[in-house]
Amino acid sequence: MKKNASLKHKYMEQEVSYENLKYFIESYFNWSMDFADLENLIEEFKSRELPAYVEGLTQEIEEINELKNWDNVQEFVYLYGQRNLNIKKIECMIELLLTKLHGDK
């Protein structure tokens, strides 16, 4: 319980900075979805959400990819999606988000 509270405090800045990622994790890529569904979930997000949200998520993912602070991303995903993904899966998730959000370029 105390650890969860400290994580929320630790992520107060990221919660604001990564609002679109938080929304994507809570609403699309939550604990009930399989990792294998991620590609389809990204496509669903792109087709259903306003362009401003898609662009916002794209910018957040680009920043995350530049920072490469995978431990923090792992904790963020656990906090908001109740997913315990290893670092390799976190990296794959970010790579796939980048690819799909950039329109498969």
N, C-alpha and C. Protein backbone atom coordinates (compact mmCIF):
# COMPACT_ATOMS: atom_id res chain seq x y z
N MET A 1 0.83 -1.19 0.00
CA MET A 1 0.00 0.00 0.00
C MET A 1 0.87 1.25 0.00
N LYS A 2 1.87 1.26 0.86
CA LYS A 2 2.77 2.41 0.94
C LYS A 2 3.55 2.57 -0.36
N LYS A 3 3.98 1.43 -0.96
CA LYS A 3 4.73 1.48 -2.21
C LYS A 3 3.88 2.13 -3.31
N ASN A 4 2.62 1.75 -3.41
CA ASN A 4 1.73 2.31 -4.42
C ASN A 4 1.58 3.82 -4.24
N ALA A 5 1.47 4.26 -3.01
CA ALA A 5 1.35 5.70 -2.74
C ALA A 5 2.62 6.42 -3.18
N SER A 6 3.79 5.83 -2.90
CA SER A 6 5.03 6.48 -3.29
C SER A 6 5.18 6.49 -4.82
N LEU A 7 4.69 5.46 -5.49
CA LEU A 7 4.73 5.44 -6.95
C LEU A 7 3.87 6.56 -7.52
N LYS A 8 2.69 6.76 -6.94
CA LYS A 8 1.82 7.83 -7.42
C LYS A 8 2.51 9.18 -7.24
N HIS A 9 3.16 9.36 -6.10
CA HIS A 9 3.87 10.61 -5.86
C HIS A 9 5.03 10.75 -6.85
N LYS A 10 5.76 9.68 -7.04
CA LYS A 10 6.92 9.67 -7.95
C LYS A 10 6.49 10.02 -9.37
N TYR A 11 5.28 9.62 -9.75
CA TYR A 11 4.82 9.82 -11.12
C TYR A 11 3.90 11.01 -11.29
N MET A 12 3.86 11.88 -10.31
CA MET A 12 2.98 13.02 -10.45
C MET A 12 3.32 13.84 -11.69
N GLU A 13 4.59 14.10 -11.94
CA GLU A 13 4.99 14.85 -13.14
C GLU A 13 4.68 14.07 -14.40
N GLN A 14 5.01 12.79 -14.42
CA GLN A 14 4.75 11.98 -15.61
C GLN A 14 3.26 11.85 -15.86
N GLU A 15 2.47 11.83 -14.79
CA GLU A 15 1.03 11.71 -14.95
C GLU A 15 0.52 12.87 -15.78
N VAL A 16 1.06 14.05 -15.56
CA VAL A 16 0.68 15.22 -16.34
C VAL A 16 1.34 15.14 -17.71
N SER A 17 2.64 14.85 -17.74
CA SER A 17 3.39 14.82 -18.99
C SER A 17 2.90 13.71 -19.92
N TYR A 18 2.56 12.58 -19.37
CA TYR A 18 2.18 11.43 -20.17
C TYR A 18 0.69 11.11 -20.02
N GLU A 19 -0.11 12.14 -20.08
CA GLU A 19 -1.55 11.99 -19.91
C GLU A 19 -2.16 11.10 -20.99
N ASN A 20 -1.69 11.24 -22.23
CA ASN A 20 -2.21 10.43 -23.33
C ASN A 20 -1.80 8.96 -23.19
N LEU A 21 -0.58 8.72 -22.75
CA LEU A 21 -0.14 7.34 -22.53
C LEU A 21 -0.95 6.72 -21.39
N LYS A 22 -1.17 7.48 -20.35
CA LYS A 22 -1.99 7.00 -19.23
C LYS A 22 -3.37 6.60 -19.74
N TYR A 23 -3.97 7.47 -20.55
CA TYR A 23 -5.29 7.19 -21.11
C TYR A 23 -5.26 5.93 -21.98
N PHE A 24 -4.25 5.81 -22.84
CA PHE A 24 -4.14 4.63 -23.70
C PHE A 24 -4.03 3.36 -22.87
N ILE A 25 -3.21 3.40 -21.83
CA ILE A 25 -3.01 2.22 -20.98
C ILE A 25 -4.29 1.88 -20.22
N GLU A 26 -4.92 2.88 -19.63
CA GLU A 26 -6.13 2.61 -18.84
C GLU A 26 -7.31 2.18 -19.71
N SER A 27 -7.44 2.77 -20.88
CA SER A 27 -8.64 2.55 -21.68
C SER A 27 -8.49 1.48 -22.77
N TYR A 28 -7.29 1.28 -23.26
CA TYR A 28 -7.09 0.33 -24.36
C TYR A 28 -6.21 -0.85 -23.94
N PHE A 29 -5.03 -0.55 -23.42
CA PHE A 29 -4.05 -1.60 -23.14
C PHE A 29 -4.01 -1.92 -21.66
N ASN A 30 -5.19 -2.18 -21.08
CA ASN A 30 -5.26 -2.48 -19.65
C ASN A 30 -5.03 -3.96 -19.39
N TRP A 31 -5.10 -4.34 -18.14
CA TRP A 31 -4.75 -5.70 -17.72
C TRP A 31 -5.59 -6.77 -18.40
N SER A 32 -6.78 -6.42 -18.87
CA SER A 32 -7.65 -7.44 -19.47
C SER A 32 -7.28 -7.78 -20.91
N MET A 33 -6.38 -6.99 -21.50
CA MET A 33 -6.00 -7.22 -22.89
C MET A 33 -4.66 -7.97 -22.96
N ASP A 34 -4.52 -8.79 -23.99
CA ASP A 34 -3.31 -9.56 -24.17
C ASP A 34 -2.26 -8.72 -24.90
N PHE A 35 -1.00 -8.93 -24.57
CA PHE A 35 0.09 -8.20 -25.23
C PHE A 35 0.04 -8.40 -26.74
N ALA A 36 -0.38 -9.57 -27.17
CA ALA A 36 -0.47 -9.87 -28.61
C ALA A 36 -1.50 -8.99 -29.31
N ASP A 37 -2.42 -8.38 -28.57
CA ASP A 37 -3.44 -7.50 -29.13
C ASP A 37 -2.98 -6.06 -29.28
N LEU A 38 -1.77 -5.77 -28.85
CA LEU A 38 -1.30 -4.38 -28.80
C LEU A 38 -1.40 -3.68 -30.16
N GLU A 39 -0.98 -4.35 -31.22
CA GLU A 39 -1.01 -3.72 -32.54
C GLU A 39 -2.43 -3.31 -32.92
N ASN A 40 -3.39 -4.20 -32.70
CA ASN A 40 -4.78 -3.88 -33.00
C ASN A 40 -5.33 -2.78 -32.10
N LEU A 41 -4.89 -2.75 -30.86
CA LEU A 41 -5.34 -1.72 -29.92
C LEU A 41 -4.84 -0.34 -30.34
N ILE A 42 -3.62 -0.29 -30.86
CA ILE A 42 -3.08 0.98 -31.34
C ILE A 42 -3.90 1.46 -32.54
N GLU A 43 -4.20 0.55 -33.45
CA GLU A 43 -5.01 0.90 -34.62
C GLU A 43 -6.40 1.38 -34.18
N GLU A 44 -6.97 0.71 -33.21
CA GLU A 44 -8.28 1.12 -32.69
C GLU A 44 -8.21 2.52 -32.08
N PHE A 45 -7.16 2.78 -31.31
CA PHE A 45 -6.95 4.10 -30.72
C PHE A 45 -6.88 5.16 -31.82
N LYS A 46 -6.09 4.89 -32.85
CA LYS A 46 -5.91 5.85 -33.95
C LYS A 46 -7.23 6.13 -34.68
N SER A 47 -8.05 5.11 -34.85
CA SER A 47 -9.29 5.28 -35.60
C SER A 47 -10.42 5.91 -34.78
N ARG A 48 -10.39 5.74 -33.46
CA ARG A 48 -11.49 6.21 -32.63
C ARG A 48 -11.26 7.57 -31.98
N GLU A 49 -9.99 7.89 -31.73
CA GLU A 49 -9.70 9.11 -30.97
C GLU A 49 -9.47 10.31 -31.88
N LEU A 50 -9.65 11.49 -31.31
CA LEU A 50 -9.40 12.73 -32.03
C LEU A 50 -7.92 12.83 -32.41
N PRO A 51 -7.63 13.45 -33.56
CA PRO A 51 -6.23 13.61 -33.98
C PRO A 51 -5.34 14.25 -32.91
N ALA A 52 -5.87 15.15 -32.12
CA ALA A 52 -5.07 15.80 -31.07
C ALA A 52 -4.57 14.78 -30.04
N TYR A 53 -5.39 13.79 -29.72
CA TYR A 53 -4.97 12.76 -28.76
C TYR A 53 -3.94 11.82 -29.38
N VAL A 54 -4.13 11.50 -30.65
CA VAL A 54 -3.17 10.63 -31.35
C VAL A 54 -1.82 11.34 -31.44
N GLU A 55 -1.84 12.62 -31.80
CA GLU A 55 -0.60 13.39 -31.88
C GLU A 55 0.04 13.53 -30.51
N GLY A 56 -0.78 13.74 -29.48
CA GLY A 56 -0.26 13.84 -28.12
C GLY A 56 0.43 12.56 -27.68
N LEU A 57 -0.19 11.43 -27.97
CA LEU A 57 0.43 10.14 -27.62
C LEU A 57 1.71 9.95 -28.41
N THR A 58 1.70 10.32 -29.67
CA THR A 58 2.90 10.19 -30.51
C THR A 58 4.06 10.98 -29.92
N GLN A 59 3.79 12.21 -29.52
CA GLN A 59 4.84 13.05 -28.93
C GLN A 59 5.36 12.45 -27.63
N GLU A 60 4.46 11.93 -26.80
CA GLU A 60 4.89 11.31 -25.54
C GLU A 60 5.76 10.09 -25.79
N ILE A 61 5.36 9.26 -26.74
CA ILE A 61 6.13 8.05 -27.05
C ILE A 61 7.50 8.41 -27.62
N GLU A 62 7.56 9.43 -28.45
CA GLU A 62 8.86 9.89 -28.99
C GLU A 62 9.77 10.34 -27.85
N GLU A 63 9.22 11.07 -26.89
CA GLU A 63 10.01 11.52 -25.74
C GLU A 63 10.48 10.35 -24.90
N ILE A 64 9.59 9.41 -24.64
CA ILE A 64 9.94 8.22 -23.87
C ILE A 64 11.05 7.45 -24.57
N ASN A 65 10.94 7.31 -25.87
CA ASN A 65 11.95 6.58 -26.65
C ASN A 65 13.30 7.28 -26.60
N GLU A 66 13.31 8.60 -26.59
CA GLU A 66 14.57 9.34 -26.48
C GLU A 66 15.20 9.17 -25.10
N LEU A 67 14.37 9.23 -24.05
CA LEU A 67 14.88 9.13 -22.68
C LEU A 67 15.35 7.72 -22.34
N LYS A 68 14.67 6.72 -22.89
CA LYS A 68 15.00 5.30 -22.67
C LYS A 68 15.13 4.96 -21.18
N ASN A 69 14.26 5.52 -20.38
CA ASN A 69 14.25 5.22 -18.95
C ASN A 69 13.23 4.10 -18.72
N TRP A 70 13.63 2.89 -19.12
CA TRP A 70 12.69 1.77 -19.18
C TRP A 70 12.14 1.38 -17.82
N ASP A 71 12.93 1.52 -16.76
CA ASP A 71 12.43 1.18 -15.42
C ASP A 71 11.25 2.05 -15.04
N ASN A 72 11.34 3.34 -15.33
CA ASN A 72 10.23 4.25 -15.01
C ASN A 72 9.01 3.94 -15.86
N VAL A 73 9.22 3.61 -17.12
CA VAL A 73 8.10 3.27 -18.00
C VAL A 73 7.44 1.99 -17.49
N GLN A 74 8.26 1.03 -17.08
CA GLN A 74 7.74 -0.22 -16.55
C GLN A 74 6.84 0.04 -15.33
N GLU A 75 7.28 0.90 -14.43
CA GLU A 75 6.50 1.23 -13.25
C GLU A 75 5.23 1.99 -13.63
N PHE A 76 5.32 2.88 -14.60
CA PHE A 76 4.18 3.65 -15.08
C PHE A 76 3.11 2.71 -15.64
N VAL A 77 3.53 1.75 -16.46
CA VAL A 77 2.60 0.79 -17.05
C VAL A 77 1.97 -0.07 -15.96
N TYR A 78 2.74 -0.44 -14.96
CA TYR A 78 2.18 -1.22 -13.85
C TYR A 78 1.17 -0.40 -13.06
N LEU A 79 1.52 0.84 -12.80
CA LEU A 79 0.66 1.71 -11.99
C LEU A 79 -0.69 1.96 -12.66
N TYR A 80 -0.68 2.24 -13.94
CA TYR A 80 -1.91 2.63 -14.62
C TYR A 80 -2.60 1.51 -15.39
N GLY A 81 -1.88 0.43 -15.65
CA GLY A 81 -2.49 -0.67 -16.40
C GLY A 81 -2.48 -2.00 -15.66
N GLN A 82 -1.92 -2.02 -14.45
CA GLN A 82 -1.79 -3.24 -13.67
C GLN A 82 -1.15 -4.35 -14.50
N ARG A 83 -0.16 -3.96 -15.31
CA ARG A 83 0.59 -4.92 -16.14
C ARG A 83 2.03 -4.97 -15.65
N ASN A 84 2.51 -6.16 -15.40
CA ASN A 84 3.88 -6.34 -14.98
C ASN A 84 4.70 -6.84 -16.17
N LEU A 85 5.13 -5.91 -17.02
CA LEU A 85 5.88 -6.26 -18.22
C LEU A 85 7.38 -6.15 -17.95
N ASN A 86 8.15 -7.10 -18.49
CA ASN A 86 9.60 -7.00 -18.34
C ASN A 86 10.12 -5.88 -19.26
N ILE A 87 11.38 -5.52 -19.07
CA ILE A 87 11.97 -4.40 -19.81
C ILE A 87 11.95 -4.65 -21.32
N LYS A 88 12.20 -5.87 -21.73
CA LYS A 88 12.19 -6.19 -23.16
C LYS A 88 10.80 -5.92 -23.76
N LYS A 89 9.75 -6.32 -23.04
CA LYS A 89 8.39 -6.07 -23.53
C LYS A 89 8.05 -4.59 -23.52
N ILE A 90 8.57 -3.86 -22.54
CA ILE A 90 8.36 -2.41 -22.50
C ILE A 90 8.98 -1.78 -23.75
N GLU A 91 10.21 -2.17 -24.06
CA GLU A 91 10.88 -1.65 -25.25
C GLU A 91 10.10 -2.01 -26.51
N CYS A 92 9.62 -3.24 -26.61
CA CYS A 92 8.83 -3.67 -27.77
C CYS A 92 7.54 -2.87 -27.87
N MET A 93 6.91 -2.61 -26.73
CA MET A 93 5.67 -1.84 -26.70
C MET A 93 5.91 -0.43 -27.26
N ILE A 94 7.00 0.21 -26.81
CA ILE A 94 7.31 1.58 -27.26
C ILE A 94 7.65 1.58 -28.74
N GLU A 95 8.43 0.60 -29.19
CA GLU A 95 8.78 0.49 -30.62
C GLU A 95 7.53 0.32 -31.48
N LEU A 96 6.63 -0.55 -31.05
CA LEU A 96 5.41 -0.79 -31.81
C LEU A 96 4.52 0.45 -31.83
N LEU A 97 4.41 1.12 -30.69
CA LEU A 97 3.65 2.37 -30.65
C LEU A 97 4.23 3.39 -31.63
N LEU A 98 5.54 3.53 -31.62
CA LEU A 98 6.19 4.48 -32.54
C LEU A 98 5.88 4.12 -34.00
N THR A 99 6.05 2.88 -34.35
CA THR A 99 5.82 2.42 -35.72
C THR A 99 4.39 2.66 -36.15
N LYS A 100 3.44 2.23 -35.33
CA LYS A 100 2.03 2.33 -35.70
C LYS A 100 1.53 3.78 -35.67
N LEU A 101 2.00 4.56 -34.73
CA LEU A 101 1.55 5.95 -34.64
C LEU A 101 2.11 6.80 -35.78
N HIS A 102 3.26 6.39 -36.30
CA HIS A 102 3.83 7.10 -37.44
C HIS A 102 3.28 6.57 -38.76
N GLY A 103 2.26 5.75 -38.70
CA GLY A 103 1.60 5.30 -39.92
C GLY A 103 2.35 4.24 -40.68
N ASP A 104 3.07 3.37 -39.97
CA ASP A 104 3.80 2.25 -40.58
C ASP A 104 4.84 2.70 -41.59
N LYS A 105 5.46 3.85 -41.36
CA LYS A 105 6.48 4.34 -42.29
C LYS A 105 7.73 3.52 -42.17
